[in-house]
Amino acid sequence: MSDSPDQHQPHTLDEWRELAARELRGADPDDLVWATPEGIAVKPVYTRADLADVPAAQLDELPGFEPFVRGPRATMYANRPWTIRQYAGFSTAEESNA
């Protein structure tokens, strides 16, 4: 066995799905997908393929700088163990502002 990182062969998403199904005792791993109040689907695992439609320039952005694709603060609250958020309204931002 080598300690060289280029000796590692990454596993496939299908292999992950099989492993997840075993851990879920046969349940479908797609059941792990959940939606934010705004209707954005959040997957249980992301891969490089999920970045295919993201412009390369955005991948090189850093937190704290416009266009804020990596977050509004340079430290992204790393110096705070938790922050308090308040959700105003009863549905999406668009419906709350209507």
PDB file of N, CA and C in Angstrom:
ATOM      1  N   MET A   1       0.843  -1.183   0.000  1.00  0.00           N
ATOM      2  CA  MET A   1       0.000   0.000   0.000  1.00  0.00           C
ATOM      3  C   MET A   1       0.882   1.237   0.000  1.00  0.00           C
ATOM      4  N   SER A   2       0.532   2.205  -0.787  1.00  0.00           N
ATOM      5  CA  SER A   2       1.317   3.424  -0.920  1.00  0.00           C
ATOM      6  C   SER A   2       0.606   4.582  -0.241  1.00  0.00           C
ATOM      7  N   ASP A   3       1.387   5.527   0.277  1.00  0.00           N
ATOM      8  CA  ASP A   3       0.819   6.740   0.864  1.00  0.00           C
ATOM      9  C   ASP A   3       0.578   7.811  -0.183  1.00  0.00           C
ATOM     10  N   SER A   4       0.894   7.519  -1.424  1.00  0.00           N
ATOM     11  CA  SER A   4       0.744   8.491  -2.498  1.00  0.00           C
ATOM     12  C   SER A   4      -0.732   8.733  -2.787  1.00  0.00           C
ATOM     13  N   PRO A   5      -1.170  10.021  -2.786  1.00  0.00           N
ATOM     14  CA  PRO A   5      -2.584  10.304  -3.033  1.00  0.00           C
ATOM     15  C   PRO A   5      -3.057   9.904  -4.422  1.00  0.00           C
ATOM     16  N   ASP A   6      -2.158   9.849  -5.420  1.00  0.00           N
ATOM     17  CA  ASP A   6      -2.596   9.505  -6.764  1.00  0.00           C
ATOM     18  C   ASP A   6      -2.806   7.995  -6.924  1.00  0.00           C
ATOM     19  N   GLN A   7      -2.561   7.201  -5.880  1.00  0.00           N
ATOM     20  CA  GLN A   7      -2.834   5.773  -5.926  1.00  0.00           C
ATOM     21  C   GLN A   7      -4.296   5.473  -5.582  1.00  0.00           C
ATOM     22  N   HIS A   8      -4.978   6.428  -5.002  1.00  0.00           N
ATOM     23  CA  HIS A   8      -6.364   6.239  -4.567  1.00  0.00           C
ATOM     24  C   HIS A   8      -7.313   6.358  -5.750  1.00  0.00           C
ATOM     25  N   GLN A   9      -8.202   5.400  -5.871  1.00  0.00           N
ATOM     26  CA  GLN A   9      -9.237   5.451  -6.898  1.00  0.00           C
ATOM     27  C   GLN A   9     -10.542   5.845  -6.214  1.00  0.00           C
ATOM     28  N   PRO A  10     -11.110   6.984  -6.575  1.00  0.00           N
ATOM     29  CA  PRO A  10     -12.342   7.407  -5.913  1.00  0.00           C
ATOM     30  C   PRO A  10     -13.496   6.456  -6.224  1.00  0.00           C
ATOM     31  N   HIS A  11     -14.395   6.358  -5.277  1.00  0.00           N
ATOM     32  CA  HIS A  11     -15.578   5.526  -5.463  1.00  0.00           C
ATOM     33  C   HIS A  11     -16.608   6.275  -6.295  1.00  0.00           C
ATOM     34  N   THR A  12     -17.499   5.528  -6.904  1.00  0.00           N
ATOM     35  CA  THR A  12     -18.523   6.132  -7.754  1.00  0.00           C
ATOM     36  C   THR A  12     -19.750   6.489  -6.924  1.00  0.00           C
ATOM     37  N   LEU A  13     -20.590   7.332  -7.497  1.00  0.00           N
ATOM     38  CA  LEU A  13     -21.836   7.694  -6.839  1.00  0.00           C
ATOM     39  C   LEU A  13     -22.743   6.469  -6.702  1.00  0.00           C
ATOM     40  N   ASP A  14     -22.692   5.574  -7.679  1.00  0.00           N
ATOM     41  CA  ASP A  14     -23.478   4.337  -7.582  1.00  0.00           C
ATOM     42  C   ASP A  14     -23.014   3.484  -6.402  1.00  0.00           C
ATOM     43  N   GLU A  15     -21.700   3.421  -6.189  1.00  0.00           N
ATOM     44  CA  GLU A  15     -21.187   2.678  -5.035  1.00  0.00           C
ATOM     45  C   GLU A  15     -21.667   3.317  -3.733  1.00  0.00           C
ATOM     46  N   TRP A  16     -21.670   4.645  -3.687  1.00  0.00           N
ATOM     47  CA  TRP A  16     -22.168   5.339  -2.501  1.00  0.00           C
ATOM     48  C   TRP A  16     -23.641   5.018  -2.273  1.00  0.00           C
ATOM     49  N   ARG A  17     -24.423   5.032  -3.362  1.00  0.00           N
ATOM     50  CA  ARG A  17     -25.860   4.755  -3.238  1.00  0.00           C
ATOM     51  C   ARG A  17     -26.096   3.344  -2.676  1.00  0.00           C
ATOM     52  N   GLU A  18     -25.310   2.371  -3.140  1.00  0.00           N
ATOM     53  CA  GLU A  18     -25.440   1.004  -2.629  1.00  0.00           C
ATOM     54  C   GLU A  18     -25.106   0.944  -1.138  1.00  0.00           C
ATOM     55  N   LEU A  19     -24.015   1.597  -0.753  1.00  0.00           N
ATOM     56  CA  LEU A  19     -23.613   1.618   0.650  1.00  0.00           C
ATOM     57  C   LEU A  19     -24.659   2.337   1.500  1.00  0.00           C
ATOM     58  N   ALA A  20     -25.154   3.463   1.020  1.00  0.00           N
ATOM     59  CA  ALA A  20     -26.176   4.217   1.750  1.00  0.00           C
ATOM     60  C   ALA A  20     -27.448   3.391   1.903  1.00  0.00           C
ATOM     61  N   ALA A  21     -27.845   2.672   0.858  1.00  0.00           N
ATOM     62  CA  ALA A  21     -29.052   1.838   0.930  1.00  0.00           C
ATOM     63  C   ALA A  21     -28.894   0.740   1.980  1.00  0.00           C
ATOM     64  N   ARG A  22     -27.685   0.162   2.074  1.00  0.00           N
ATOM     65  CA  ARG A  22     -27.448  -0.853   3.109  1.00  0.00           C
ATOM     66  C   ARG A  22     -27.561  -0.231   4.499  1.00  0.00           C
ATOM     67  N   GLU A  23     -26.949   0.955   4.679  1.00  0.00           N
ATOM     68  CA  GLU A  23     -27.014   1.621   5.981  1.00  0.00           C
ATOM     69  C   GLU A  23     -28.441   2.042   6.323  1.00  0.00           C
ATOM     70  N   LEU A  24     -29.224   2.329   5.292  1.00  0.00           N
ATOM     71  CA  LEU A  24     -30.625   2.722   5.492  1.00  0.00           C
ATOM     72  C   LEU A  24     -31.549   1.508   5.530  1.00  0.00           C
ATOM     73  N   ARG A  25     -30.948   0.324   5.578  1.00  0.00           N
ATOM     74  CA  ARG A  25     -31.690  -0.948   5.625  1.00  0.00           C
ATOM     75  C   ARG A  25     -32.656  -1.088   4.448  1.00  0.00           C
ATOM     76  N   GLY A  26     -32.141  -0.778   3.252  1.00  0.00           N
ATOM     77  CA  GLY A  26     -32.918  -0.967   2.036  1.00  0.00           C
ATOM     78  C   GLY A  26     -33.726   0.229   1.586  1.00  0.00           C
ATOM     79  N   ALA A  27     -33.798   1.267   2.399  1.00  0.00           N
ATOM     80  CA  ALA A  27     -34.537   2.466   1.991  1.00  0.00           C
ATOM     81  C   ALA A  27     -33.794   3.162   0.855  1.00  0.00           C
ATOM     82  N   ASP A  28     -34.509   3.934   0.099  1.00  0.00           N
ATOM     83  CA  ASP A  28     -33.943   4.639  -1.045  1.00  0.00           C
ATOM     84  C   ASP A  28     -33.140   5.851  -0.571  1.00  0.00           C
ATOM     85  N   PRO A  29     -31.857   5.958  -0.951  1.00  0.00           N
ATOM     86  CA  PRO A  29     -31.062   7.127  -0.574  1.00  0.00           C
ATOM     87  C   PRO A  29     -31.660   8.448  -1.067  1.00  0.00           C
ATOM     88  N   ASP A  30     -32.501   8.396  -2.101  1.00  0.00           N
ATOM     89  CA  ASP A  30     -33.152   9.624  -2.567  1.00  0.00           C
ATOM     90  C   ASP A  30     -34.094  10.193  -1.511  1.00  0.00           C
ATOM     91  N   ASP A  31     -34.501   9.356  -0.547  1.00  0.00           N
ATOM     92  CA  ASP A  31     -35.352   9.848   0.539  1.00  0.00           C
ATOM     93  C   ASP A  31     -34.597  10.796   1.467  1.00  0.00           C
ATOM     94  N   LEU A  32     -33.266  10.833   1.351  1.00  0.00           N
ATOM     95  CA  LEU A  32     -32.458  11.729   2.177  1.00  0.00           C
ATOM     96  C   LEU A  32     -32.452  13.157   1.642  1.00  0.00           C
ATOM     97  N   VAL A  33     -32.937  13.362   0.430  1.00  0.00           N
ATOM     98  CA  VAL A  33     -33.030  14.712  -0.137  1.00  0.00           C
ATOM     99  C   VAL A  33     -34.126  15.455   0.618  1.00  0.00           C
ATOM    100  N   TRP A  34     -33.817  16.690   1.030  1.00  0.00           N
ATOM    101  CA  TRP A  34     -34.820  17.504   1.713  1.00  0.00           C
ATOM    102  C   TRP A  34     -34.848  18.876   1.065  1.00  0.00           C
ATOM    103  N   ALA A  35     -35.889  19.637   1.340  1.00  0.00           N
ATOM    104  CA  ALA A  35     -36.053  20.951   0.711  1.00  0.00           C
ATOM    105  C   ALA A  35     -36.061  22.047   1.764  1.00  0.00           C
ATOM    106  N   THR A  36     -35.428  23.159   1.425  1.00  0.00           N
ATOM    107  CA  THR A  36     -35.466  24.340   2.280  1.00  0.00           C
ATOM    108  C   THR A  36     -36.858  24.959   2.177  1.00  0.00           C
ATOM    109  N   PRO A  37     -37.209  25.891   3.059  1.00  0.00           N
ATOM    110  CA  PRO A  37     -38.517  26.545   2.948  1.00  0.00           C
ATOM    111  C   PRO A  37     -38.727  27.228   1.594  1.00  0.00           C
ATOM    112  N   GLU A  38     -37.627  27.574   0.925  1.00  0.00           N
ATOM    113  CA  GLU A  38     -37.725  28.211  -0.384  1.00  0.00           C
ATOM    114  C   GLU A  38     -37.873  27.205  -1.515  1.00  0.00           C
ATOM    115  N   GLY A  39     -37.861  25.916  -1.186  1.00  0.00           N
ATOM    116  CA  GLY A  39     -38.026  24.889  -2.207  1.00  0.00           C
ATOM    117  C   GLY A  39     -36.735  24.432  -2.856  1.00  0.00           C
ATOM    118  N   ILE A  40     -35.597  24.755  -2.278  1.00  0.00           N
ATOM    119  CA  ILE A  40     -34.305  24.336  -2.826  1.00  0.00           C
ATOM    120  C   ILE A  40     -33.994  22.937  -2.304  1.00  0.00           C
ATOM    121  N   ALA A  41     -33.774  22.008  -3.222  1.00  0.00           N
ATOM    122  CA  ALA A  41     -33.458  20.631  -2.835  1.00  0.00           C
ATOM    123  C   ALA A  41     -32.020  20.559  -2.321  1.00  0.00           C
ATOM    124  N   VAL A  42     -31.839  19.906  -1.178  1.00  0.00           N
ATOM    125  CA  VAL A  42     -30.518  19.705  -0.589  1.00  0.00           C
ATOM    126  C   VAL A  42     -30.243  18.207  -0.610  1.00  0.00           C
ATOM    127  N   LYS A  43     -29.204  17.837  -1.352  1.00  0.00           N
ATOM    128  CA  LYS A  43     -28.872  16.425  -1.502  1.00  0.00           C
ATOM    129  C   LYS A  43     -28.024  15.958  -0.319  1.00  0.00           C
ATOM    130  N   PRO A  44     -28.002  14.657  -0.045  1.00  0.00           N
ATOM    131  CA  PRO A  44     -27.197  14.150   1.065  1.00  0.00           C
ATOM    132  C   PRO A  44     -25.698  14.137   0.765  1.00  0.00           C
ATOM    133  N   VAL A  45     -25.344  14.148  -0.509  1.00  0.00           N
ATOM    134  CA  VAL A  45     -23.932  14.146  -0.886  1.00  0.00           C
ATOM    135  C   VAL A  45     -23.785  14.880  -2.219  1.00  0.00           C
ATOM    136  N   TYR A  46     -22.689  15.619  -2.335  1.00  0.00           N
ATOM    137  CA  TYR A  46     -22.403  16.351  -3.565  1.00  0.00           C
ATOM    138  C   TYR A  46     -21.060  15.889  -4.117  1.00  0.00           C
ATOM    139  N   THR A  47     -20.927  15.942  -5.438  1.00  0.00           N
ATOM    140  CA  THR A  47     -19.678  15.562  -6.094  1.00  0.00           C
ATOM    141  C   THR A  47     -19.249  16.678  -7.038  1.00  0.00           C
ATOM    142  N   ARG A  48     -18.102  16.492  -7.636  1.00  0.00           N
ATOM    143  CA  ARG A  48     -17.581  17.460  -8.600  1.00  0.00           C
ATOM    144  C   ARG A  48     -18.573  17.695  -9.742  1.00  0.00           C
ATOM    145  N   ALA A  49     -19.338  16.675 -10.102  1.00  0.00           N
ATOM    146  CA  ALA A  49     -20.317  16.804 -11.186  1.00  0.00           C
ATOM    147  C   ALA A  49     -21.364  17.871 -10.871  1.00  0.00           C
ATOM    148  N   ASP A  50     -21.632  18.108  -9.595  1.00  0.00           N
ATOM    149  CA  ASP A  50     -22.603  19.133  -9.219  1.00  0.00           C
ATOM    150  C   ASP A  50     -22.098  20.541  -9.521  1.00  0.00           C
ATOM    151  N   LEU A  51     -20.812  20.683  -9.759  1.00  0.00           N
ATOM    152  CA  LEU A  51     -20.226  21.986 -10.063  1.00  0.00           C
ATOM    153  C   LEU A  51     -20.098  22.244 -11.556  1.00  0.00           C
ATOM    154  N   ALA A  52     -20.533  21.296 -12.375  1.00  0.00           N
ATOM    155  CA  ALA A  52     -20.345  21.403 -13.825  1.00  0.00           C
ATOM    156  C   ALA A  52     -20.947  22.675 -14.406  1.00  0.00           C
ATOM    157  N   ASP A  53     -22.070  23.132 -13.867  1.00  0.00           N
ATOM    158  CA  ASP A  53     -22.725  24.326 -14.404  1.00  0.00           C
ATOM    159  C   ASP A  53     -22.295  25.612 -13.714  1.00  0.00           C
ATOM    160  N   VAL A  54     -21.376  25.529 -12.765  1.00  0.00           N
ATOM    161  CA  VAL A  54     -20.900  26.723 -12.060  1.00  0.00           C
ATOM    162  C   VAL A  54     -19.721  27.298 -12.840  1.00  0.00           C
ATOM    163  N   PRO A  55     -19.780  28.576 -13.210  1.00  0.00           N
ATOM    164  CA  PRO A  55     -18.663  29.178 -13.937  1.00  0.00           C
ATOM    165  C   PRO A  55     -17.359  29.061 -13.143  1.00  0.00           C
ATOM    166  N   ALA A  56     -16.273  28.734 -13.834  1.00  0.00           N
ATOM    167  CA  ALA A  56     -14.978  28.536 -13.183  1.00  0.00           C
ATOM    168  C   ALA A  56     -14.559  29.755 -12.370  1.00  0.00           C
ATOM    169  N   ALA A  57     -14.886  30.956 -12.850  1.00  0.00           N
ATOM    170  CA  ALA A  57     -14.505  32.169 -12.125  1.00  0.00           C
ATOM    171  C   ALA A  57     -15.156  32.206 -10.740  1.00  0.00           C
ATOM    172  N   GLN A  58     -16.363  31.687 -10.616  1.00  0.00           N
ATOM    173  CA  GLN A  58     -17.027  31.679  -9.310  1.00  0.00           C
ATOM    174  C   GLN A  58     -16.390  30.669  -8.363  1.00  0.00           C
ATOM    175  N   LEU A  59     -15.840  29.600  -8.892  1.00  0.00           N
ATOM    176  CA  LEU A  59     -15.202  28.601  -8.043  1.00  0.00           C
ATOM    177  C   LEU A  59     -13.951  29.153  -7.378  1.00  0.00           C
ATOM    178  N   ASP A  60     -13.337  30.159  -7.991  1.00  0.00           N
ATOM    179  CA  ASP A  60     -12.129  30.755  -7.439  1.00  0.00           C
ATOM    180  C   ASP A  60     -12.410  31.929  -6.513  1.00  0.00           C
ATOM    181  N   GLU A  61     -13.682  32.304  -6.346  1.00  0.00           N
ATOM    182  CA  GLU A  61     -14.030  33.411  -5.455  1.00  0.00           C
ATOM    183  C   GLU A  61     -13.734  33.036  -4.009  1.00  0.00           C
ATOM    184  N   LEU A  62     -13.514  34.046  -3.190  1.00  0.00           N
ATOM    185  CA  LEU A  62     -13.242  33.841  -1.775  1.00  0.00           C
ATOM    186  C   LEU A  62     -14.344  34.462  -0.936  1.00  0.00           C
ATOM    187  N   PRO A  63     -14.583  33.938   0.268  1.00  0.00           N
ATOM    188  CA  PRO A  63     -15.625  34.506   1.122  1.00  0.00           C
ATOM    189  C   PRO A  63     -15.314  35.949   1.506  1.00  0.00           C
ATOM    190  N   GLY A  64     -16.368  36.760   1.585  1.00  0.00           N
ATOM    191  CA  GLY A  64     -16.223  38.144   2.017  1.00  0.00           C
ATOM    192  C   GLY A  64     -16.144  39.148   0.888  1.00  0.00           C
ATOM    193  N   PHE A  65     -16.034  38.688  -0.340  1.00  0.00           N
ATOM    194  CA  PHE A  65     -15.906  39.585  -1.488  1.00  0.00           C
ATOM    195  C   PHE A  65     -17.067  39.379  -2.454  1.00  0.00           C
ATOM    196  N   GLU A  66     -17.465  40.467  -3.130  1.00  0.00           N
ATOM    197  CA  GLU A  66     -18.500  40.366  -4.157  1.00  0.00           C
ATOM    198  C   GLU A  66     -18.043  39.375  -5.218  1.00  0.00           C
ATOM    199  N   PRO A  67     -18.924  38.616  -5.764  1.00  0.00           N
ATOM    200  CA  PRO A  67     -20.383  38.605  -5.658  1.00  0.00           C
ATOM    201  C   PRO A  67     -20.910  37.747  -4.511  1.00  0.00           C
ATOM    202  N   PHE A  68     -20.094  37.474  -3.503  1.00  0.00           N
ATOM    203  CA  PHE A  68     -20.483  36.763  -2.281  1.00  0.00           C
ATOM    204  C   PHE A  68     -20.999  35.349  -2.526  1.00  0.00           C
ATOM    205  N   VAL A  69     -20.472  34.671  -3.545  1.00  0.00           N
ATOM    206  CA  VAL A  69     -20.903  33.295  -3.800  1.00  0.00           C
ATOM    207  C   VAL A  69     -20.375  32.336  -2.735  1.00  0.00           C
ATOM    208  N   ARG A  70     -19.347  32.746  -1.993  1.00  0.00           N
ATOM    209  CA  ARG A  70     -18.804  31.907  -0.923  1.00  0.00           C
ATOM    210  C   ARG A  70     -19.179  32.431   0.459  1.00  0.00           C
ATOM    211  N   GLY A  71     -20.047  33.436   0.512  1.00  0.00           N
ATOM    212  CA  GLY A  71     -20.502  33.949   1.796  1.00  0.00           C
ATOM    213  C   GLY A  71     -20.147  35.402   2.003  1.00  0.00           C
ATOM    214  N   PRO A  72     -20.873  36.076   2.901  1.00  0.00           N
ATOM    215  CA  PRO A  72     -20.708  37.507   3.095  1.00  0.00           C
ATOM    216  C   PRO A  72     -19.537  37.899   3.988  1.00  0.00           C
ATOM    217  N   ARG A  73     -18.984  36.977   4.759  1.00  0.00           N
ATOM    218  CA  ARG A  73     -17.910  37.312   5.692  1.00  0.00           C
ATOM    219  C   ARG A  73     -16.659  36.507   5.361  1.00  0.00           C
ATOM    220  N   ALA A  74     -15.500  37.139   5.513  1.00  0.00           N
ATOM    221  CA  ALA A  74     -14.239  36.463   5.211  1.00  0.00           C
ATOM    222  C   ALA A  74     -14.033  35.229   6.085  1.00  0.00           C
ATOM    223  N   THR A  75     -14.405  35.321   7.349  1.00  0.00           N
ATOM    224  CA  THR A  75     -14.209  34.192   8.268  1.00  0.00           C
ATOM    225  C   THR A  75     -15.403  33.259   8.305  1.00  0.00           C
ATOM    226  N   MET A  76     -16.492  33.653   7.670  1.00  0.00           N
ATOM    227  CA  MET A  76     -17.720  32.854   7.649  1.00  0.00           C
ATOM    228  C   MET A  76     -18.100  32.364   9.045  1.00  0.00           C
ATOM    229  N   TYR A  77     -17.972  33.251  10.013  1.00  0.00           N
ATOM    230  CA  TYR A  77     -18.378  32.981  11.394  1.00  0.00           C
ATOM    231  C   TYR A  77     -17.533  31.905  12.066  1.00  0.00           C
ATOM    232  N   ALA A  78     -16.324  31.657  11.567  1.00  0.00           N
ATOM    233  CA  ALA A  78     -15.451  30.654  12.175  1.00  0.00           C
ATOM    234  C   ALA A  78     -15.066  31.051  13.603  1.00  0.00           C
ATOM    235  N   ASN A  79     -15.089  32.349  13.887  1.00  0.00           N
ATOM    236  CA  ASN A  79     -14.744  32.811  15.228  1.00  0.00           C
ATOM    237  C   ASN A  79     -15.956  32.855  16.154  1.00  0.00           C
ATOM    238  N   ARG A  80     -17.118  32.438  15.673  1.00  0.00           N
ATOM    239  CA  ARG A  80     -18.337  32.368  16.485  1.00  0.00           C
ATOM    240  C   ARG A  80     -18.862  30.939  16.422  1.00  0.00           C
ATOM    241  N   PRO A  81     -19.050  30.305  17.572  1.00  0.00           N
ATOM    242  CA  PRO A  81     -19.525  28.922  17.516  1.00  0.00           C
ATOM    243  C   PRO A  81     -20.937  28.778  16.966  1.00  0.00           C
ATOM    244  N   TRP A  82     -21.754  29.827  17.072  1.00  0.00           N
ATOM    245  CA  TRP A  82     -23.094  29.791  16.505  1.00  0.00           C
ATOM    246  C   TRP A  82     -23.597  31.213  16.359  1.00  0.00           C
ATOM    247  N   THR A  83     -24.555  31.394  15.492  1.00  0.00           N
ATOM    248  CA  THR A  83     -25.172  32.703  15.306  1.00  0.00           C
ATOM    249  C   THR A  83     -26.684  32.535  15.392  1.00  0.00           C
ATOM    250  N   ILE A  84     -27.366  33.614  15.712  1.00  0.00           N
ATOM    251  CA  ILE A  84     -28.819  33.589  15.820  1.00  0.00           C
ATOM    252  C   ILE A  84     -29.404  34.151  14.541  1.00  0.00           C
ATOM    253  N   ARG A  85     -30.388  33.458  13.999  1.00  0.00           N
ATOM    254  CA  ARG A  85     -31.072  33.908  12.791  1.00  0.00           C
ATOM    255  C   ARG A  85     -32.558  33.975  13.076  1.00  0.00           C
ATOM    256  N   GLN A  86     -33.218  34.922  12.467  1.00  0.00           N
ATOM    257  CA  GLN A  86     -34.662  35.020  12.606  1.00  0.00           C
ATOM    258  C   GLN A  86     -35.271  34.940  11.223  1.00  0.00           C
ATOM    259  N   TYR A  87     -36.285  34.120  11.097  1.00  0.00           N
ATOM    260  CA  TYR A  87     -36.973  33.987   9.822  1.00  0.00           C
ATOM    261  C   TYR A  87     -38.240  34.824   9.888  1.00  0.00           C
ATOM    262  N   ALA A  88     -38.321  35.816   9.024  1.00  0.00           N
ATOM    263  CA  ALA A  88     -39.492  36.693   8.989  1.00  0.00           C
ATOM    264  C   ALA A  88     -40.432  36.239   7.885  1.00  0.00           C
ATOM    265  N   GLY A  89     -41.702  36.187   8.171  1.00  0.00           N
ATOM    266  CA  GLY A  89     -42.676  35.789   7.161  1.00  0.00           C
ATOM    267  C   GLY A  89     -43.125  34.364   7.347  1.00  0.00           C
ATOM    268  N   PHE A  90     -43.978  33.941   6.469  1.00  0.00           N
ATOM    269  CA  PHE A  90     -44.570  32.621   6.609  1.00  0.00           C
ATOM    270  C   PHE A  90     -44.244  31.684   5.457  1.00  0.00           C
ATOM    271  N   SER A  91     -43.520  32.159   4.460  1.00  0.00           N
ATOM    272  CA  SER A  91     -43.233  31.298   3.327  1.00  0.00           C
ATOM    273  C   SER A  91     -41.911  31.725   2.718  1.00  0.00           C
ATOM    274  N   THR A  92     -41.882  31.907   1.417  1.00  0.00           N
ATOM    275  CA  THR A  92     -40.652  32.312   0.744  1.00  0.00           C
ATOM    276  C   THR A  92     -40.437  33.806   0.912  1.00  0.00           C
ATOM    277  N   ALA A  93     -39.233  34.259   0.598  1.00  0.00           N
ATOM    278  CA  ALA A  93     -38.931  35.686   0.680  1.00  0.00           C
ATOM    279  C   ALA A  93     -39.838  36.479  -0.252  1.00  0.00           C
ATOM    280  N   GLU A  94     -40.086  35.936  -1.447  1.00  0.00           N
ATOM    281  CA  GLU A  94     -40.939  36.640  -2.404  1.00  0.00           C
ATOM    282  C   GLU A  94     -42.353  36.806  -1.852  1.00  0.00           C
ATOM    283  N   GLU A  95     -42.897  35.745  -1.262  1.00  0.00           N
ATOM    284  CA  GLU A  95     -44.254  35.821  -0.718  1.00  0.00           C
ATOM    285  C   GLU A  95     -44.311  36.710   0.521  1.00  0.00           C
ATOM    286  N   SER A  96     -43.261  36.699   1.329  1.00  0.00           N
ATOM    287  CA  SER A  96     -43.232  37.551   2.519  1.00  0.00           C
ATOM    288  C   SER A  96     -43.161  39.021   2.149  1.00  0.00           C
ATOM    289  N   ASN A  97     -42.483  39.331   1.051  1.00  0.00           N
ATOM    290  CA  ASN A  97     -42.321  40.727   0.635  1.00  0.00           C
ATOM    291  C   ASN A  97     -43.479  41.224  -0.218  1.00  0.00           C
ATOM    292  N   ALA A  98     -44.412  40.364  -0.562  1.00  0.00           N
ATOM    293  CA  ALA A  98     -45.527  40.758  -1.433  1.00  0.00           C
ATOM    294  C   ALA A  98     -46.478  41.698  -0.719  1.00  0.00           C
TER     295      ALA A  98
END
